[in-house]
């Protein structure tokens, strides 16, 4: 019996796994500093001196350029979150 998988982006569409080429992904990890006590509000308020963008603006810019957010990892120092690592992916060659 042939294995069937959902076709990405097409609800209800199914294709044979034999007909799907293995996608290769490009990854991008962005680090965003967090304020004292794990306060993440600086992601929306603090602007980069070079670009004039907030960290949120930079993350949204990646999404507009075809990057898909796949993970957010909190980095802790002595029990307090000090930064967030955002991992994005997009098909290689996009």
Protein backbone atom coordinates (compact mmCIF):
# COMPACT_ATOMS: atom_id res chain seq x y z
CA UNK A 1 0.00 0.00 0.00
CA UNK A 2 1.23 3.47 -0.89
CA UNK A 3 1.78 6.08 1.85
CA UNK A 4 -0.14 9.31 1.35
CA UNK A 5 0.71 12.69 2.89
CA UNK A 6 -1.09 16.03 3.04
CA UNK A 7 0.11 18.42 0.34
CA UNK A 8 1.56 21.50 2.02
CA UNK A 9 -0.56 24.60 1.62
CA UNK A 10 -3.51 22.79 0.04
CA UNK A 11 -6.09 21.67 2.64
CA UNK A 12 -7.61 18.33 1.78
CA UNK A 13 -5.07 17.56 -0.97
CA UNK A 14 -3.05 14.38 -0.64
CA UNK A 15 -0.09 13.15 -2.66
CA UNK A 16 2.07 10.08 -2.75
CA UNK A 17 5.25 10.34 -0.67
CA UNK A 18 7.14 8.94 -3.65
CA UNK A 19 6.38 12.10 -5.61
CA UNK A 20 7.68 14.58 -3.03
CA UNK A 21 11.28 15.71 -3.37
CA UNK A 22 13.07 16.27 -0.07
CA UNK A 23 12.98 20.01 0.64
CA UNK A 24 16.16 21.67 1.82
CA UNK A 25 15.87 24.51 4.28
CA UNK A 26 17.84 27.64 4.99
CA UNK A 27 17.83 28.54 8.70
CA UNK A 28 18.16 31.89 10.41
CA UNK A 29 18.46 32.46 14.17
CA UNK A 30 17.84 35.90 15.65
CA UNK A 31 18.67 36.83 19.24
CA UNK A 32 16.51 39.43 21.00
CA UNK A 33 17.62 40.79 24.37
CA UNK A 34 15.04 40.84 27.15
CA UNK A 35 14.84 43.46 29.90
CA UNK A 36 15.39 42.96 33.60
CA UNK A 37 13.18 40.35 35.18
CA UNK A 38 12.25 38.84 31.81
CA UNK A 39 10.41 41.98 30.61
CA UNK A 40 9.95 41.45 26.87
CA UNK A 41 8.39 44.88 26.20
CA UNK A 42 11.73 46.17 24.87
CA UNK A 43 11.21 43.96 21.79
CA UNK A 44 8.49 46.43 20.75
CA UNK A 45 9.99 49.65 22.13
CA UNK A 46 13.81 49.66 21.92
CA UNK A 47 15.15 50.79 18.54
CA UNK A 48 18.45 49.73 17.03
CA UNK A 49 20.73 52.77 16.64
CA UNK A 50 21.96 51.61 13.21
CA UNK A 51 18.64 50.70 11.58
CA UNK A 52 16.05 52.60 13.60
CA UNK A 53 14.01 49.38 13.81
CA UNK A 54 12.67 47.71 16.91
CA UNK A 55 13.44 44.03 17.32
CA UNK A 56 9.79 43.34 16.50
CA UNK A 57 10.16 45.28 13.22
CA UNK A 58 13.20 43.16 12.34
CA UNK A 59 11.35 39.91 13.08
CA UNK A 60 8.38 41.01 10.96
CA UNK A 61 10.74 41.98 8.15
CA UNK A 62 11.99 38.39 8.04
CA UNK A 63 8.41 37.12 7.75
CA UNK A 64 7.73 39.52 4.87
CA UNK A 65 10.83 38.15 3.12
CA UNK A 66 9.53 34.57 3.25
CA UNK A 67 11.00 33.33 6.54
CA UNK A 68 8.70 31.15 8.66
CA UNK A 69 9.04 31.24 12.45
CA UNK A 70 9.52 27.68 13.71
CA UNK A 71 10.76 28.08 17.28
CA UNK A 72 11.31 30.55 20.11
CA UNK A 73 13.84 29.46 22.75
CA UNK A 74 14.26 31.40 26.01
CA UNK A 75 17.86 31.69 27.19
CA UNK A 76 18.07 31.84 30.98
CA UNK A 77 20.81 33.15 33.22
CA UNK A 78 20.41 32.35 36.93
CA UNK A 79 16.75 31.46 36.42
CA UNK A 80 15.77 34.65 34.57
CA UNK A 81 15.18 34.86 30.83
CA UNK A 82 17.81 37.21 29.39
CA UNK A 83 17.19 36.74 25.67
CA UNK A 84 14.94 34.97 23.21
CA UNK A 85 16.26 33.05 20.22
CA UNK A 86 13.89 33.10 17.25
CA UNK A 87 14.52 30.35 14.68
CA UNK A 88 13.22 30.86 11.14
CA UNK A 89 13.30 28.66 8.06
CA UNK A 90 12.57 29.03 4.36
CA UNK A 91 13.13 26.80 1.36
CA UNK A 92 16.74 26.94 0.17
CA UNK A 93 17.16 29.31 -2.76
CA UNK A 94 14.11 31.46 -1.96
